[in-house]
N, C-alpha and C. Protein backbone atom coordinates (compact mmCIF):
# COMPACT_ATOMS: atom_id res chain seq x y z
N MET A 1 -7.24 24.71 -19.38
CA MET A 1 -7.45 23.95 -18.49
C MET A 1 -7.19 22.33 -18.26
N LEU A 2 -6.77 21.43 -17.56
CA LEU A 2 -5.67 20.29 -18.13
C LEU A 2 -6.88 19.67 -17.35
N PRO A 3 -7.90 18.48 -18.53
CA PRO A 3 -8.53 17.81 -17.86
C PRO A 3 -7.48 16.64 -17.48
N ALA A 4 -8.45 15.70 -16.03
CA ALA A 4 -8.97 14.66 -15.38
C ALA A 4 -8.42 13.95 -16.39
N ASP A 5 -7.26 12.40 -16.13
CA ASP A 5 -6.89 11.37 -16.58
C ASP A 5 -7.51 10.37 -15.37
N GLN A 6 -8.93 9.36 -15.77
CA GLN A 6 -9.40 9.07 -14.92
C GLN A 6 -8.92 7.72 -14.65
N ARG A 7 -8.07 7.11 -15.58
CA ARG A 7 -6.55 5.76 -15.24
C ARG A 7 -5.84 6.33 -14.21
N LEU A 8 -5.42 7.00 -14.44
CA LEU A 8 -4.54 7.49 -13.67
C LEU A 8 -5.17 7.66 -11.55
N ARG A 9 -6.68 8.45 -12.15
CA ARG A 9 -6.88 8.36 -10.93
C ARG A 9 -7.27 7.15 -10.23
N ARG A 10 -7.57 6.68 -11.48
CA ARG A 10 -8.53 4.70 -9.98
C ARG A 10 -6.99 3.97 -9.57
N GLN A 11 -6.07 4.37 -10.67
CA GLN A 11 -4.41 3.74 -10.38
C GLN A 11 -4.12 4.31 -9.56
N THR A 12 -3.87 5.80 -8.85
CA THR A 12 -3.39 6.82 -7.69
C THR A 12 -4.09 5.35 -6.74
N PHE A 13 -5.68 5.49 -6.74
CA PHE A 13 -6.10 5.07 -5.25
C PHE A 13 -5.71 4.15 -5.17
N ALA A 14 -5.41 3.28 -6.02
CA ALA A 14 -5.52 1.69 -6.18
C ALA A 14 -3.89 1.03 -4.97
N VAL A 15 -2.43 2.46 -5.87
CA VAL A 15 -1.67 1.91 -5.29
C VAL A 15 -1.99 2.69 -3.72
N LEU A 16 -2.70 3.67 -4.25
CA LEU A 16 -2.56 4.48 -2.54
C LEU A 16 -3.23 3.37 -1.01
N GLY A 17 -4.27 2.35 -1.56
CA GLY A 17 -4.70 2.03 -0.75
C GLY A 17 -3.91 0.71 -0.91
N LEU A 18 -3.07 0.15 -1.81
CA LEU A 18 -2.36 -1.06 -1.17
C LEU A 18 -1.12 -0.28 -0.17
N ALA A 19 -0.76 0.75 0.09
CA ALA A 19 0.41 1.07 0.44
C ALA A 19 -0.32 1.38 2.11
N ALA A 20 -1.42 1.38 1.63
CA ALA A 20 -1.77 1.46 3.06
C ALA A 20 -1.85 0.23 4.03
N ILE A 21 -3.10 -0.77 3.45
CA ILE A 21 -2.41 -2.24 3.91
C ILE A 21 -1.33 -2.30 3.99
N LEU A 22 -0.46 -1.98 3.21
CA LEU A 22 1.51 -2.27 4.17
C LEU A 22 1.51 -2.05 5.12
N ALA A 23 0.87 -0.75 5.22
CA ALA A 23 1.53 0.53 6.16
C ALA A 23 1.40 -0.53 7.51
N ILE A 24 0.04 -0.98 7.58
CA ILE A 24 -0.85 -2.34 8.85
C ILE A 24 -0.29 -2.61 8.73
N VAL A 25 0.04 -3.67 7.86
CA VAL A 25 0.48 -4.80 8.09
C VAL A 25 2.32 -4.70 9.10
N ALA A 26 3.25 -3.36 8.12
CA ALA A 26 4.13 -3.48 8.72
C ALA A 26 3.90 -3.10 10.32
N MET A 27 2.86 -2.31 10.29
CA MET A 27 3.33 -1.87 12.06
C MET A 27 2.58 -3.16 13.09
N ILE A 28 2.03 -4.12 12.59
CA ILE A 28 1.09 -5.47 13.43
C ILE A 28 2.51 -5.94 13.10
N CYS A 29 3.51 -6.58 12.33
CA CYS A 29 4.80 -6.75 11.98
C CYS A 29 6.01 -6.07 13.45
N PHE A 30 6.06 -5.04 13.41
CA PHE A 30 6.92 -5.06 13.99
C PHE A 30 6.72 -4.25 15.46
N HIS A 31 4.63 -4.83 16.03
CA HIS A 31 4.27 -4.38 17.18
C HIS A 31 4.69 -5.92 17.86
N TYR A 32 4.60 -7.03 16.63
CA TYR A 32 5.23 -8.15 17.51
C TYR A 32 6.59 -8.20 17.46
N TRP A 33 7.42 -7.67 16.84
CA TRP A 33 8.47 -7.81 16.71
C TRP A 33 9.33 -7.09 18.26
N LEU A 34 8.51 -6.00 18.37
CA LEU A 34 8.92 -5.37 19.82
C LEU A 34 8.38 -6.01 20.86
N LEU A 35 7.27 -7.04 20.85
CA LEU A 35 6.94 -7.68 22.01
C LEU A 35 7.72 -8.18 21.98
N ASP A 36 8.15 -9.83 21.30
CA ASP A 36 9.17 -10.32 21.25
C ASP A 36 10.43 -10.34 21.82
N LEU A 37 11.32 -8.73 21.35
CA LEU A 37 12.49 -8.66 21.75
C LEU A 37 12.43 -7.44 23.36
N GLY A 38 11.06 -7.29 23.53
CA GLY A 38 10.61 -6.98 25.21
C GLY A 38 10.77 -8.22 26.12
N THR A 39 10.93 -9.29 25.54
CA THR A 39 10.58 -10.53 26.47
C THR A 39 11.88 -11.05 26.58
N ALA A 40 12.63 -10.90 25.57
CA ALA A 40 14.16 -11.33 25.84
C ALA A 40 14.87 -10.50 27.06
N PRO A 41 15.92 -11.71 27.47
CA PRO A 41 16.33 -11.36 28.75
C PRO A 41 17.09 -9.83 28.33
N GLY A 42 17.60 -9.05 29.14
CA GLY A 42 18.77 -8.08 29.27
C GLY A 42 17.99 -6.75 28.88
N ASN A 43 18.25 -5.71 29.29
CA ASN A 43 18.35 -4.56 28.86
C ASN A 43 19.08 -3.89 28.07
N ASP A 44 19.50 -3.89 28.26
CA ASP A 44 20.89 -3.68 27.22
C ASP A 44 21.09 -4.16 25.98
N LEU A 45 20.39 -5.53 25.36
CA LEU A 45 20.25 -6.08 24.43
C LEU A 45 18.82 -5.27 23.74
N LEU A 46 18.01 -5.02 24.50
CA LEU A 46 16.94 -4.17 23.68
C LEU A 46 17.22 -2.87 23.68
N ILE A 47 17.57 -2.10 24.31
CA ILE A 47 18.21 -0.76 24.31
C ILE A 47 19.35 -0.87 22.64
N PHE A 48 20.10 -1.71 22.93
CA PHE A 48 21.10 -1.89 21.51
C PHE A 48 19.93 -2.00 19.96
N ARG A 49 19.40 -2.40 20.03
CA ARG A 49 18.19 -3.63 18.89
C ARG A 49 17.02 -1.64 18.62
N LEU A 50 16.77 -1.71 19.29
CA LEU A 50 16.21 -0.28 19.46
C LEU A 50 16.29 0.30 18.62
N ARG A 51 18.02 1.02 19.33
CA ARG A 51 18.65 2.28 18.62
C ARG A 51 19.30 1.50 17.52
N ARG A 52 19.37 0.62 16.99
CA ARG A 52 19.77 0.45 15.89
C ARG A 52 18.67 0.73 14.63
N MET A 53 17.81 0.03 15.02
CA MET A 53 16.55 0.04 14.51
C MET A 53 15.52 1.06 13.75
N ILE A 54 15.55 1.87 15.12
CA ILE A 54 15.26 3.40 15.08
C ILE A 54 16.74 4.44 13.75
N GLY A 55 17.67 4.18 14.37
CA GLY A 55 18.97 4.59 13.04
C GLY A 55 18.51 4.25 11.52
N VAL A 56 18.77 2.71 11.32
CA VAL A 56 18.25 2.45 10.31
C VAL A 56 16.94 3.23 9.48
N ALA A 57 15.58 3.06 10.55
CA ALA A 57 14.53 4.19 9.80
C ALA A 57 14.61 5.33 9.51
N LEU A 58 15.32 6.07 10.16
CA LEU A 58 15.69 7.45 9.53
C LEU A 58 17.10 7.48 8.94
N THR A 59 17.75 6.64 8.63
CA THR A 59 18.50 6.58 7.46
C THR A 59 17.19 6.59 6.45
N GLY A 60 16.57 5.57 6.17
CA GLY A 60 15.57 5.59 4.93
C GLY A 60 14.70 6.96 4.46
N SER A 61 14.64 7.28 5.81
CA SER A 61 13.83 8.49 6.26
C SER A 61 14.08 9.36 4.98
N ALA A 62 15.69 10.06 5.63
CA ALA A 62 16.41 10.48 5.21
C ALA A 62 16.63 10.71 3.71
N LEU A 63 16.66 9.33 3.69
CA LEU A 63 17.57 9.14 1.96
C LEU A 63 16.13 9.42 0.83
N CYS A 64 14.83 9.27 1.59
CA CYS A 64 13.86 9.60 0.79
C CYS A 64 13.42 11.02 0.58
N LEU A 65 13.55 11.51 1.96
CA LEU A 65 13.41 13.14 2.25
C LEU A 65 14.45 13.71 1.08
N ALA A 66 15.74 12.84 0.78
CA ALA A 66 16.82 13.81 -0.09
C ALA A 66 15.96 13.30 -1.82
N LEU A 67 15.47 12.24 -1.85
CA LEU A 67 14.90 11.90 -3.56
C LEU A 67 13.71 13.19 -3.27
N LEU A 68 13.12 13.31 -2.52
CA LEU A 68 11.93 14.31 -2.68
C LEU A 68 12.30 15.23 -3.06
N ALA A 69 13.51 15.84 -2.11
CA ALA A 69 13.81 17.10 -2.68
C ALA A 69 14.56 17.04 -3.67
N TRP A 70 15.41 16.60 -4.52
CA TRP A 70 15.57 16.34 -5.83
C TRP A 70 14.61 16.33 -6.58
N HIS A 71 13.89 15.77 -6.57
CA HIS A 71 12.16 15.84 -7.68
C HIS A 71 12.12 17.14 -7.66
N ALA A 72 11.54 17.49 -6.47
CA ALA A 72 10.97 19.43 -6.51
C ALA A 72 12.00 20.08 -6.62
N ALA A 73 13.15 20.36 -6.85
CA ALA A 73 13.97 20.84 -7.57
C ALA A 73 14.17 20.83 -8.97
N HIS A 74 13.91 19.71 -9.60
CA HIS A 74 14.17 19.03 -11.18
C HIS A 74 12.79 19.89 -11.64
N LYS A 75 11.92 19.76 -10.94
CA LYS A 75 10.52 20.11 -11.15
C LYS A 75 10.56 21.63 -11.62
N ALA A 76 10.89 22.50 -10.60
CA ALA A 76 10.86 23.62 -10.57
C ALA A 76 12.21 24.28 -11.56
N SER A 77 13.10 23.47 -12.03
CA SER A 77 13.79 24.21 -13.13
C SER A 77 13.85 23.47 -14.25
N ARG A 78 12.28 22.55 -14.55
CA ARG A 78 11.74 22.67 -15.46
C ARG A 78 11.22 23.77 -15.54
N ILE A 79 9.89 24.18 -14.97
CA ILE A 79 9.02 25.33 -14.78
C ILE A 79 9.63 26.43 -15.14
N ARG A 80 10.98 26.42 -14.51
CA ARG A 80 11.38 27.74 -14.65
C ARG A 80 12.02 28.03 -16.10
N ASN A 81 12.53 27.24 -16.83
CA ASN A 81 12.81 27.12 -17.95
C ASN A 81 11.54 26.75 -19.10
N LEU A 82 10.77 26.44 -18.83
CA LEU A 82 9.15 25.87 -19.49
C LEU A 82 7.90 27.21 -19.33
N ARG A 83 8.23 27.67 -18.86
CA ARG A 83 7.15 28.60 -17.94
C ARG A 83 5.67 28.36 -17.99
N GLN A 84 5.39 27.25 -17.47
CA GLN A 84 4.39 26.39 -17.53
C GLN A 84 4.04 25.64 -16.68
N TRP A 85 2.78 25.71 -15.98
CA TRP A 85 2.52 24.64 -14.37
C TRP A 85 0.91 23.93 -14.88
N PRO A 86 0.52 23.00 -14.98
CA PRO A 86 1.26 21.56 -14.48
C PRO A 86 1.89 21.62 -15.99
N LEU A 87 3.60 20.89 -15.88
CA LEU A 87 4.21 20.88 -17.35
C LEU A 87 3.61 19.93 -18.20
N PRO A 88 4.07 20.17 -19.53
CA PRO A 88 3.88 19.56 -20.49
C PRO A 88 3.71 18.20 -20.69
N GLY A 89 2.60 17.57 -21.08
CA GLY A 89 2.94 16.33 -20.72
C GLY A 89 2.34 15.34 -20.11
N THR A 90 1.96 16.24 -18.56
CA THR A 90 1.86 15.58 -17.42
C THR A 90 0.68 15.03 -17.52
N ARG A 91 -0.08 14.02 -16.90
CA ARG A 91 -1.20 13.71 -16.41
C ARG A 91 -1.57 14.04 -15.03
N VAL A 92 -3.12 14.14 -14.62
CA VAL A 92 -3.40 15.11 -13.41
C VAL A 92 -4.78 14.04 -13.06
N ILE A 93 -5.01 13.96 -11.92
CA ILE A 93 -5.97 12.82 -11.18
C ILE A 93 -7.21 14.23 -10.97
N ARG A 94 -7.37 15.61 -10.84
CA ARG A 94 -8.40 16.64 -11.27
C ARG A 94 -7.98 17.30 -12.31
N ASP A 95 -9.44 18.18 -12.54
CA ASP A 95 -9.19 19.04 -13.21
C ASP A 95 -8.22 20.17 -13.08
N THR A 96 -7.31 20.59 -13.60
CA THR A 96 -6.39 21.80 -13.46
C THR A 96 -6.23 22.66 -14.14
N PRO A 97 -5.36 23.74 -13.74
CA PRO A 97 -5.42 24.93 -14.25
C PRO A 97 -4.03 25.10 -15.10
N ILE A 98 -4.56 25.70 -16.16
CA ILE A 98 -2.45 26.26 -16.11
C ILE A 98 -2.41 27.10 -16.30
N ARG A 99 -1.13 27.34 -15.88
CA ARG A 99 -0.12 28.51 -15.09
C ARG A 99 0.94 28.68 -15.28
N ARG A 100 1.08 30.24 -16.68
CA ARG A 100 1.62 30.52 -17.21
C ARG A 100 2.52 31.49 -17.27
N ASP A 101 3.75 32.04 -17.27
CA ASP A 101 4.64 32.92 -17.05
C ASP A 101 4.70 33.08 -15.28
N THR A 102 4.30 34.46 -15.08
CA THR A 102 4.01 34.36 -13.56
C THR A 102 3.48 33.28 -12.66
N ALA A 103 2.64 32.98 -13.23
CA ALA A 103 2.04 32.16 -12.12
C ALA A 103 2.66 30.72 -11.82
N ALA A 104 3.54 30.63 -13.31
CA ALA A 104 4.14 29.17 -12.97
C ALA A 104 5.36 29.34 -12.23
N LEU A 105 6.22 30.75 -12.53
CA LEU A 105 7.29 31.04 -11.84
C LEU A 105 7.02 30.93 -10.78
N SER A 106 5.72 31.63 -9.54
CA SER A 106 5.71 31.52 -8.61
C SER A 106 5.76 30.20 -7.91
N VAL A 107 4.55 29.02 -9.12
CA VAL A 107 4.82 27.92 -8.21
C VAL A 107 6.14 27.00 -8.72
N GLY A 108 7.34 27.75 -9.39
CA GLY A 108 8.11 27.04 -8.99
C GLY A 108 9.01 27.40 -7.65
N ARG A 109 9.14 28.87 -7.91
CA ARG A 109 10.23 28.77 -6.19
C ARG A 109 9.59 28.47 -5.39
N GLN A 110 8.37 28.54 -5.26
CA GLN A 110 7.52 27.37 -3.75
C GLN A 110 8.04 26.53 -3.82
N LEU A 111 8.08 25.43 -5.13
CA LEU A 111 8.82 24.01 -4.95
C LEU A 111 10.16 24.10 -4.39
N ASN A 112 10.63 25.24 -5.08
CA ASN A 112 12.17 25.33 -4.60
C ASN A 112 12.48 25.69 -3.41
N ALA A 113 11.70 25.82 -2.77
CA ALA A 113 11.14 26.46 -1.39
C ALA A 113 11.81 25.06 -0.54
N ILE A 114 10.50 24.10 -0.81
CA ILE A 114 9.69 22.90 -0.32
C ILE A 114 10.84 22.31 -0.52
N ALA A 115 11.56 22.39 -1.75
CA ALA A 115 13.10 20.70 -2.39
C ALA A 115 14.47 21.42 -0.91
N ILE A 116 14.53 22.79 -0.54
CA ILE A 116 15.10 23.70 0.08
C ILE A 116 15.09 22.72 1.66
N LEU A 117 13.80 23.20 2.12
CA LEU A 117 13.17 22.42 3.37
C LEU A 117 13.69 20.94 3.54
N LEU A 118 13.86 20.26 2.90
CA LEU A 118 13.60 18.79 2.61
C LEU A 118 14.36 17.88 2.67
N LEU A 119 15.41 19.39 1.78
CA LEU A 119 17.03 18.91 2.03
C LEU A 119 17.61 19.30 3.67
N ALA A 120 16.69 20.11 3.94
CA ALA A 120 17.73 20.55 5.22
C ALA A 120 17.02 19.44 6.02
N LEU A 121 15.79 19.32 5.94
CA LEU A 121 15.06 17.80 6.95
C LEU A 121 16.14 16.56 6.92
N ALA A 122 16.48 16.32 5.62
CA ALA A 122 16.95 15.16 4.62
C ALA A 122 18.64 15.30 5.82
N PHE A 123 19.02 16.15 6.03
CA PHE A 123 21.12 16.33 6.69
C PHE A 123 20.19 16.32 7.89
N ALA A 124 19.51 16.44 8.67
CA ALA A 124 18.94 17.12 9.88
C ALA A 124 18.89 15.23 10.74
N LEU A 125 18.01 14.54 9.59
CA LEU A 125 17.62 12.53 10.27
C LEU A 125 19.09 12.20 10.13
N GLY A 126 19.27 12.23 8.90
CA GLY A 126 21.22 11.47 8.68
C GLY A 126 21.48 11.23 9.95
N TYR A 127 22.04 13.09 10.14
CA TYR A 127 22.47 13.42 11.21
C TYR A 127 22.25 12.19 13.04
N ILE A 128 20.99 12.95 13.13
CA ILE A 128 20.55 12.30 14.09
C ILE A 128 20.47 10.66 13.65
N SER A 129 20.21 9.84 12.91
CA SER A 129 20.56 8.74 12.29
C SER A 129 22.18 8.40 12.59
N TRP A 130 22.70 8.97 12.40
CA TRP A 130 24.31 8.21 12.60
C TRP A 130 24.53 8.99 13.65
N GLN A 131 24.48 9.56 14.56
CA GLN A 131 24.55 9.30 16.06
C GLN A 131 24.01 8.41 16.96
N MET A 132 23.01 8.15 16.46
CA MET A 132 22.38 6.39 16.88
C MET A 132 22.87 5.39 16.20
N LEU A 133 23.33 5.49 15.18
CA LEU A 133 24.53 3.88 14.98
C LEU A 133 25.56 3.92 15.30
N ARG A 134 26.44 5.43 15.37
CA ARG A 134 27.53 4.62 16.40
C ARG A 134 28.08 4.28 17.67
């Protein structure tokens, strides 16, 4: 059993709380930007700006998904090499049983499947954002 790291748990909750606050602020700013844009004369400019904003947001999301897919594939390859999950030196936020050999390889295969799915989603979002931005 790998014991939980209480300091990491506190840091994780603090970062998640800050991220939630920033997300709310971003939503409020986007709401006011959208209201301001909606009062501007001419629907063509509104549609153009909205398509561009959505395209940029989708591009950012595709990049994030691609990075997450790389991270999952990288962890899966380390699991395959070391045959252990969680990996040695890992800090966890809750008590976690250590899996070795077959059980660890199962986690590695699941991470590989998730990486493939995330990469497919990243390509799909990239294609959609390319269509919106052109």
